[in-house]
């Protein structure tokens, strides 16, 4: 994998929206990798109604946290992140899975075209290099 740094745009920070449901075990590694690889990253954990210590662990590891009162699903959790970005005038945002599925080393590749002005939105795919992921049929269709 390519561990490309995020191209800096006049030191502009970017928001990493991290929807999380019961991910207290994985969050320290994910947040640590984000911070070490991308110092301008602002991690925002959207705790999606977790019943474990997800919110506490996220705060202890330097993330901002929005806690949902109940589980609303990943789509709504990501929307909360978008709302925070809009409210705070942050115009650069990525979604990173709390369980470590997304490699923080790939953020430079994902954000590069946006930072260069060549794209407004970039969507990564785990399937482009022949990768597979075993999902239920309805989930595969939606992906």
C-alpha atoms as a PDB file:
ATOM      1  CA  UNK A   1       0.000   0.000   0.000  1.00  0.00           C
ATOM      2  CA  UNK A   2       1.051   3.547  -0.653  1.00  0.00           C
ATOM      3  CA  UNK A   3       1.587   5.531   2.551  1.00  0.00           C
ATOM      4  CA  UNK A   4       1.290   8.884   0.822  1.00  0.00           C
ATOM      5  CA  UNK A   5       1.099  11.878   3.133  1.00  0.00           C
ATOM      6  CA  UNK A   6      -1.895  14.136   2.816  1.00  0.00           C
ATOM      7  CA  UNK A   7      -0.841  17.045   0.622  1.00  0.00           C
ATOM      8  CA  UNK A   8      -0.897  20.171   2.745  1.00  0.00           C
ATOM      9  CA  UNK A   9      -3.021  23.074   1.520  1.00  0.00           C
ATOM     10  CA  UNK A  10      -1.669  26.017   3.470  1.00  0.00           C
ATOM     11  CA  UNK A  11      -1.831  23.933   6.634  1.00  0.00           C
ATOM     12  CA  UNK A  12      -5.562  23.399   6.202  1.00  0.00           C
ATOM     13  CA  UNK A  13      -6.795  20.816   8.663  1.00  0.00           C
ATOM     14  CA  UNK A  14      -9.116  18.050   7.597  1.00  0.00           C
ATOM     15  CA  UNK A  15     -11.825  16.300   9.551  1.00  0.00           C
ATOM     16  CA  UNK A  16     -11.680  12.516   9.835  1.00  0.00           C
ATOM     17  CA  UNK A  17     -15.207  11.356  10.609  1.00  0.00           C
ATOM     18  CA  UNK A  18     -15.030   8.052  12.439  1.00  0.00           C
ATOM     19  CA  UNK A  19     -18.430   6.427  12.962  1.00  0.00           C
ATOM     20  CA  UNK A  20     -18.071   3.984  15.835  1.00  0.00           C
ATOM     21  CA  UNK A  21     -20.273   1.381  17.464  1.00  0.00           C
ATOM     22  CA  UNK A  22     -18.642  -0.508  20.349  1.00  0.00           C
ATOM     23  CA  UNK A  23     -15.096   0.002  19.064  1.00  0.00           C
ATOM     24  CA  UNK A  24     -13.217   0.763  22.291  1.00  0.00           C
ATOM     25  CA  UNK A  25     -10.646  -1.942  21.501  1.00  0.00           C
ATOM     26  CA  UNK A  26      -9.721  -0.747  17.992  1.00  0.00           C
ATOM     27  CA  UNK A  27      -9.927   3.020  18.467  1.00  0.00           C
ATOM     28  CA  UNK A  28      -6.562   3.597  20.181  1.00  0.00           C
ATOM     29  CA  UNK A  29      -4.680   2.110  17.209  1.00  0.00           C
ATOM     30  CA  UNK A  30      -6.809   3.893  14.598  1.00  0.00           C
ATOM     31  CA  UNK A  31      -6.521   7.267  16.339  1.00  0.00           C
ATOM     32  CA  UNK A  32      -2.801   6.784  16.954  1.00  0.00           C
ATOM     33  CA  UNK A  33      -2.143   6.027  13.293  1.00  0.00           C
ATOM     34  CA  UNK A  34      -4.183   9.029  12.157  1.00  0.00           C
ATOM     35  CA  UNK A  35      -2.323  11.385  14.486  1.00  0.00           C
ATOM     36  CA  UNK A  36       1.138  10.067  13.640  1.00  0.00           C
ATOM     37  CA  UNK A  37       0.631   9.950   9.864  1.00  0.00           C
ATOM     38  CA  UNK A  38      -1.454  13.105   9.502  1.00  0.00           C
ATOM     39  CA  UNK A  39      -0.809  15.802  12.132  1.00  0.00           C
ATOM     40  CA  UNK A  40      -3.337  18.183  10.510  1.00  0.00           C
ATOM     41  CA  UNK A  41      -6.109  15.617  10.983  1.00  0.00           C
ATOM     42  CA  UNK A  42      -8.965  16.462  13.354  1.00  0.00           C
ATOM     43  CA  UNK A  43     -10.443  13.112  14.392  1.00  0.00           C
ATOM     44  CA  UNK A  44     -14.167  13.216  15.124  1.00  0.00           C
ATOM     45  CA  UNK A  45     -15.588  10.019  16.564  1.00  0.00           C
ATOM     46  CA  UNK A  46     -19.348   9.777  16.168  1.00  0.00           C
ATOM     47  CA  UNK A  47     -20.283   7.307  18.883  1.00  0.00           C
ATOM     48  CA  UNK A  48     -23.308   5.593  17.409  1.00  0.00           C
ATOM     49  CA  UNK A  49     -25.017   4.502  20.623  1.00  0.00           C
ATOM     50  CA  UNK A  50     -22.185   2.326  21.914  1.00  0.00           C
ATOM     51  CA  UNK A  51     -22.672   0.350  25.100  1.00  0.00           C
ATOM     52  CA  UNK A  52     -18.938   0.074  25.819  1.00  0.00           C
ATOM     53  CA  UNK A  53     -16.357   2.775  26.505  1.00  0.00           C
ATOM     54  CA  UNK A  54     -16.046   3.983  22.907  1.00  0.00           C
ATOM     55  CA  UNK A  55     -16.670   7.674  23.701  1.00  0.00           C
ATOM     56  CA  UNK A  56     -14.382   7.683  26.747  1.00  0.00           C
ATOM     57  CA  UNK A  57     -11.541   5.945  24.889  1.00  0.00           C
ATOM     58  CA  UNK A  58     -11.916   8.317  21.932  1.00  0.00           C
ATOM     59  CA  UNK A  59     -11.634  11.358  24.219  1.00  0.00           C
ATOM     60  CA  UNK A  60      -8.663   9.842  26.069  1.00  0.00           C
ATOM     61  CA  UNK A  61      -6.901   9.484  22.713  1.00  0.00           C
ATOM     62  CA  UNK A  62      -7.485  13.082  21.678  1.00  0.00           C
ATOM     63  CA  UNK A  63     -10.541  12.766  19.456  1.00  0.00           C
ATOM     64  CA  UNK A  64     -13.515  15.033  19.490  1.00  0.00           C
ATOM     65  CA  UNK A  65     -16.659  13.057  20.192  1.00  0.00           C
ATOM     66  CA  UNK A  66     -20.326  13.365  19.320  1.00  0.00           C
ATOM     67  CA  UNK A  67     -22.394  10.746  21.136  1.00  0.00           C
ATOM     68  CA  UNK A  68     -25.695   9.659  19.646  1.00  0.00           C
ATOM     69  CA  UNK A  69     -28.351   8.795  22.246  1.00  0.00           C
ATOM     70  CA  UNK A  70     -29.083   5.530  20.433  1.00  0.00           C
ATOM     71  CA  UNK A  71     -27.796   3.594  17.436  1.00  0.00           C
ATOM     72  CA  UNK A  72     -28.780   5.480  14.274  1.00  0.00           C
ATOM     73  CA  UNK A  73     -26.644   3.593  11.749  1.00  0.00           C
ATOM     74  CA  UNK A  74     -23.475   4.418   9.883  1.00  0.00           C
ATOM     75  CA  UNK A  75     -25.170   6.643   7.297  1.00  0.00           C
ATOM     76  CA  UNK A  76     -26.650   8.949   9.915  1.00  0.00           C
ATOM     77  CA  UNK A  77     -23.443   8.913  11.943  1.00  0.00           C
ATOM     78  CA  UNK A  78     -21.476  10.073   8.896  1.00  0.00           C
ATOM     79  CA  UNK A  79     -24.087  12.775   8.244  1.00  0.00           C
ATOM     80  CA  UNK A  80     -23.434  14.094  11.752  1.00  0.00           C
ATOM     81  CA  UNK A  81     -19.783  14.428  10.779  1.00  0.00           C
ATOM     82  CA  UNK A  82     -20.740  16.362   7.655  1.00  0.00           C
ATOM     83  CA  UNK A  83     -22.892  18.698   9.757  1.00  0.00           C
ATOM     84  CA  UNK A  84     -20.007  19.356  12.143  1.00  0.00           C
ATOM     85  CA  UNK A  85     -17.715  20.139   9.197  1.00  0.00           C
ATOM     86  CA  UNK A  86     -20.230  22.553   7.673  1.00  0.00           C
ATOM     87  CA  UNK A  87     -20.927  24.234  11.014  1.00  0.00           C
ATOM     88  CA  UNK A  88     -17.217  24.758  11.635  1.00  0.00           C
ATOM     89  CA  UNK A  89     -16.269  25.764   8.102  1.00  0.00           C
ATOM     90  CA  UNK A  90     -14.088  22.721   7.498  1.00  0.00           C
ATOM     91  CA  UNK A  91     -14.149  21.994   3.787  1.00  0.00           C
ATOM     92  CA  UNK A  92     -12.074  18.814   3.722  1.00  0.00           C
ATOM     93  CA  UNK A  93     -13.441  15.600   5.193  1.00  0.00           C
ATOM     94  CA  UNK A  94     -12.710  11.892   5.070  1.00  0.00           C
ATOM     95  CA  UNK A  95     -14.493   8.925   6.584  1.00  0.00           C
ATOM     96  CA  UNK A  96     -12.346   6.405   8.418  1.00  0.00           C
ATOM     97  CA  UNK A  97     -13.727   3.193   9.896  1.00  0.00           C
ATOM     98  CA  UNK A  98     -13.247   2.827  13.643  1.00  0.00           C
ATOM     99  CA  UNK A  99     -12.343  -0.846  13.368  1.00  0.00           C
ATOM    100  CA  UNK A 100      -9.220  -0.251  11.279  1.00  0.00           C
ATOM    101  CA  UNK A 101     -10.587  -1.391   7.901  1.00  0.00           C
ATOM    102  CA  UNK A 102      -9.432   1.849   6.259  1.00  0.00           C
ATOM    103  CA  UNK A 103      -5.674   2.317   6.056  1.00  0.00           C
ATOM    104  CA  UNK A 104      -4.756   5.839   7.228  1.00  0.00           C
ATOM    105  CA  UNK A 105      -1.723   5.567   4.955  1.00  0.00           C
ATOM    106  CA  UNK A 106      -4.072   5.839   1.975  1.00  0.00           C
ATOM    107  CA  UNK A 107      -5.497   9.240   2.948  1.00  0.00           C
ATOM    108  CA  UNK A 108      -2.921  11.073   0.846  1.00  0.00           C
ATOM    109  CA  UNK A 109      -4.023   9.094  -2.195  1.00  0.00           C
ATOM    110  CA  UNK A 110      -7.682   9.765  -1.461  1.00  0.00           C
ATOM    111  CA  UNK A 111      -7.317  13.474  -0.656  1.00  0.00           C
ATOM    112  CA  UNK A 112      -4.653  14.273  -3.263  1.00  0.00           C
ATOM    113  CA  UNK A 113      -7.049  14.940  -6.185  1.00  0.00           C
ATOM    114  CA  UNK A 114      -9.249  17.146  -3.982  1.00  0.00           C
ATOM    115  CA  UNK A 115      -6.291  19.095  -2.634  1.00  0.00           C
ATOM    116  CA  UNK A 116      -4.972  19.560  -6.177  1.00  0.00           C
ATOM    117  CA  UNK A 117      -8.331  20.917  -7.351  1.00  0.00           C
ATOM    118  CA  UNK A 118      -8.863  17.984  -9.724  1.00  0.00           C
ATOM    119  CA  UNK A 119     -11.902  16.585  -7.871  1.00  0.00           C
ATOM    120  CA  UNK A 120     -14.576  17.659  -5.438  1.00  0.00           C
ATOM    121  CA  UNK A 121     -15.219  14.148  -4.128  1.00  0.00           C
ATOM    122  CA  UNK A 122     -13.118  10.985  -4.133  1.00  0.00           C
ATOM    123  CA  UNK A 123     -14.511   7.582  -3.237  1.00  0.00           C
ATOM    124  CA  UNK A 124     -12.152   4.753  -2.394  1.00  0.00           C
ATOM    125  CA  UNK A 125     -12.977   1.136  -3.138  1.00  0.00           C
ATOM    126  CA  UNK A 126     -11.661  -2.076  -1.641  1.00  0.00           C
ATOM    127  CA  UNK A 127     -12.639  -3.885  -4.845  1.00  0.00           C
ATOM    128  CA  UNK A 128     -10.497  -2.068  -7.454  1.00  0.00           C
ATOM    129  CA  UNK A 129      -7.410  -4.237  -7.048  1.00  0.00           C
ATOM    130  CA  UNK A 130      -9.374  -7.456  -7.205  1.00  0.00           C
ATOM    131  CA  UNK A 131     -10.036  -7.416  -3.465  1.00  0.00           C
ATOM    132  CA  UNK A 132     -13.079  -9.141  -2.118  1.00  0.00           C
ATOM    133  CA  UNK A 133     -15.137  -8.688   0.963  1.00  0.00           C
ATOM    134  CA  UNK A 134     -17.772 -11.171   2.022  1.00  0.00           C
ATOM    135  CA  UNK A 135     -21.063  -9.348   2.498  1.00  0.00           C
ATOM    136  CA  UNK A 136     -24.632 -10.509   2.357  1.00  0.00           C
ATOM    137  CA  UNK A 137     -26.133 -10.231  -1.131  1.00  0.00           C
ATOM    138  CA  UNK A 138     -28.212  -7.127  -0.297  1.00  0.00           C
ATOM    139  CA  UNK A 139     -25.137  -5.391   1.166  1.00  0.00           C
ATOM    140  CA  UNK A 140     -23.053  -6.186  -1.933  1.00  0.00           C
ATOM    141  CA  UNK A 141     -25.770  -4.701  -4.103  1.00  0.00           C
ATOM    142  CA  UNK A 142     -25.807  -1.464  -2.064  1.00  0.00           C
ATOM    143  CA  UNK A 143     -22.019  -1.183  -2.102  1.00  0.00           C
END
